[in-house]
Amino acid sequence: MKLLNAQIDETQRQLLQALWEKGPAMPLELAVRTFMLPDEIQQPLQELEKAGLVERHAFKGGEMLVLTKLGQEIVRS
């Protein structure tokens, strides 16, 4: 777990923290929460998804980003 935590960059850490503090969000909402542009968070989010820290849940109006249990553990550590 510490190794994975050490591999998370500052942008990814901000995204995880925003999801932890305010809950699930649409990508645009998450960009606003972190004072970034949607394009700036796209790649970091994909990497967080590949690492199993964030999941996308589709719904009729778009998609929602949610922390996984592992993502929650990383934020708390």
C-alpha atoms as a PDB file:
ATOM      1  CA  MET A   1       0.000   0.000   0.000  1.00  0.00           C
ATOM      2  CA  LYS A   2       2.815   2.440   0.817  1.00  0.00           C
ATOM      3  CA  LEU A   3       4.411   1.762  -2.570  1.00  0.00           C
ATOM      4  CA  LEU A   4       1.159   2.576  -4.372  1.00  0.00           C
ATOM      5  CA  ASN A   5       0.719   5.689  -2.227  1.00  0.00           C
ATOM      6  CA  ALA A   6       4.242   6.842  -3.159  1.00  0.00           C
ATOM      7  CA  GLN A   7       3.418   6.511  -6.877  1.00  0.00           C
ATOM      8  CA  ILE A   8       0.473   8.929  -6.718  1.00  0.00           C
ATOM      9  CA  ASP A   9       1.352  12.393  -8.004  1.00  0.00           C
ATOM     10  CA  GLU A  10       0.026  15.678  -6.627  1.00  0.00           C
ATOM     11  CA  THR A  11      -2.761  16.017  -9.207  1.00  0.00           C
ATOM     12  CA  GLN A  12      -3.979  12.495  -8.510  1.00  0.00           C
ATOM     13  CA  ARG A  13      -3.803  13.138  -4.765  1.00  0.00           C
ATOM     14  CA  GLN A  14      -5.947  16.270  -5.179  1.00  0.00           C
ATOM     15  CA  LEU A  15      -8.531  14.329  -7.188  1.00  0.00           C
ATOM     16  CA  LEU A  16      -8.688  11.546  -4.603  1.00  0.00           C
ATOM     17  CA  GLN A  17      -8.965  14.052  -1.765  1.00  0.00           C
ATOM     18  CA  ALA A  18     -11.802  15.920  -3.502  1.00  0.00           C
ATOM     19  CA  LEU A  19     -13.741  12.680  -4.002  1.00  0.00           C
ATOM     20  CA  TRP A  20     -13.116  11.726  -0.371  1.00  0.00           C
ATOM     21  CA  GLU A  21     -14.219  15.080   1.053  1.00  0.00           C
ATOM     22  CA  LYS A  22     -17.281  15.777  -1.087  1.00  0.00           C
ATOM     23  CA  GLY A  23     -18.237  12.380  -2.461  1.00  0.00           C
ATOM     24  CA  PRO A  24     -18.855  11.126  -6.002  1.00  0.00           C
ATOM     25  CA  ALA A  25     -18.755  13.655  -8.824  1.00  0.00           C
ATOM     26  CA  MET A  26     -19.144  14.037 -12.539  1.00  0.00           C
ATOM     27  CA  PRO A  27     -15.798  14.727 -14.275  1.00  0.00           C
ATOM     28  CA  LEU A  28     -16.593  18.415 -14.861  1.00  0.00           C
ATOM     29  CA  GLU A  29     -17.637  18.852 -11.231  1.00  0.00           C
ATOM     30  CA  LEU A  30     -14.415  17.204 -10.059  1.00  0.00           C
ATOM     31  CA  ALA A  31     -12.387  19.554 -12.254  1.00  0.00           C
ATOM     32  CA  VAL A  32     -14.169  22.530 -10.690  1.00  0.00           C
ATOM     33  CA  ARG A  33     -13.633  21.175  -7.155  1.00  0.00           C
ATOM     34  CA  THR A  34      -9.897  20.942  -7.776  1.00  0.00           C
ATOM     35  CA  PHE A  35      -9.576  24.227  -9.718  1.00  0.00           C
ATOM     36  CA  MET A  36      -8.373  22.383 -12.831  1.00  0.00           C
ATOM     37  CA  LEU A  37      -9.555  22.138 -16.405  1.00  0.00           C
ATOM     38  CA  PRO A  38     -11.370  18.964 -17.493  1.00  0.00           C
ATOM     39  CA  ASP A  39      -8.529  18.168 -19.929  1.00  0.00           C
ATOM     40  CA  GLU A  40      -5.995  18.401 -17.084  1.00  0.00           C
ATOM     41  CA  ILE A  41      -7.694  15.708 -15.021  1.00  0.00           C
ATOM     42  CA  GLN A  42      -8.434  13.250 -17.829  1.00  0.00           C
ATOM     43  CA  GLN A  43      -5.080  11.409 -17.843  1.00  0.00           C
ATOM     44  CA  PRO A  44      -4.630  11.376 -14.044  1.00  0.00           C
ATOM     45  CA  LEU A  45      -8.147   9.953 -13.679  1.00  0.00           C
ATOM     46  CA  GLN A  46      -7.420   7.206 -16.206  1.00  0.00           C
ATOM     47  CA  GLU A  47      -4.316   6.265 -14.220  1.00  0.00           C
ATOM     48  CA  LEU A  48      -6.308   6.225 -10.962  1.00  0.00           C
ATOM     49  CA  GLU A  49      -8.884   3.971 -12.632  1.00  0.00           C
ATOM     50  CA  LYS A  50      -6.172   1.574 -13.855  1.00  0.00           C
ATOM     51  CA  ALA A  51      -4.768   1.457 -10.314  1.00  0.00           C
ATOM     52  CA  GLY A  52      -8.217   0.535  -8.993  1.00  0.00           C
ATOM     53  CA  LEU A  53      -8.602   3.694  -6.893  1.00  0.00           C
ATOM     54  CA  VAL A  54     -11.473   5.308  -8.829  1.00  0.00           C
ATOM     55  CA  GLU A  55     -14.401   3.840 -10.761  1.00  0.00           C
ATOM     56  CA  ARG A  56     -16.735   5.386 -13.330  1.00  0.00           C
ATOM     57  CA  HIS A  57     -20.426   4.643 -12.986  1.00  0.00           C
ATOM     58  CA  ALA A  58     -22.548   5.429 -16.032  1.00  0.00           C
ATOM     59  CA  PHE A  59     -26.030   6.846 -15.668  1.00  0.00           C
ATOM     60  CA  LYS A  60     -28.507   8.469 -18.019  1.00  0.00           C
ATOM     61  CA  GLY A  61     -27.020  11.971 -17.651  1.00  0.00           C
ATOM     62  CA  GLY A  62     -23.364  10.986 -17.971  1.00  0.00           C
ATOM     63  CA  GLU A  63     -20.909   9.327 -15.637  1.00  0.00           C
ATOM     64  CA  MET A  64     -20.042   9.605 -11.976  1.00  0.00           C
ATOM     65  CA  LEU A  65     -16.563   9.156 -10.511  1.00  0.00           C
ATOM     66  CA  VAL A  66     -16.451   7.217  -7.247  1.00  0.00           C
ATOM     67  CA  LEU A  67     -13.633   6.243  -4.895  1.00  0.00           C
ATOM     68  CA  THR A  68     -13.144   2.509  -4.526  1.00  0.00           C
ATOM     69  CA  LYS A  69     -12.416   0.937  -1.129  1.00  0.00           C
ATOM     70  CA  LEU A  70      -8.729   0.917  -2.041  1.00  0.00           C
ATOM     71  CA  GLY A  71      -8.966   4.587  -3.020  1.00  0.00           C
ATOM     72  CA  GLN A  72     -10.514   5.371   0.362  1.00  0.00           C
ATOM     73  CA  GLU A  73      -7.701   3.536   2.137  1.00  0.00           C
ATOM     74  CA  ILE A  74      -5.091   5.514   0.194  1.00  0.00           C
ATOM     75  CA  VAL A  75      -6.695   8.846   1.105  1.00  0.00           C
ATOM     76  CA  ARG A  76      -6.891   7.897   4.784  1.00  0.00           C
ATOM     77  CA  SER A  77      -3.251   6.808   4.956  1.00  0.00           C
END
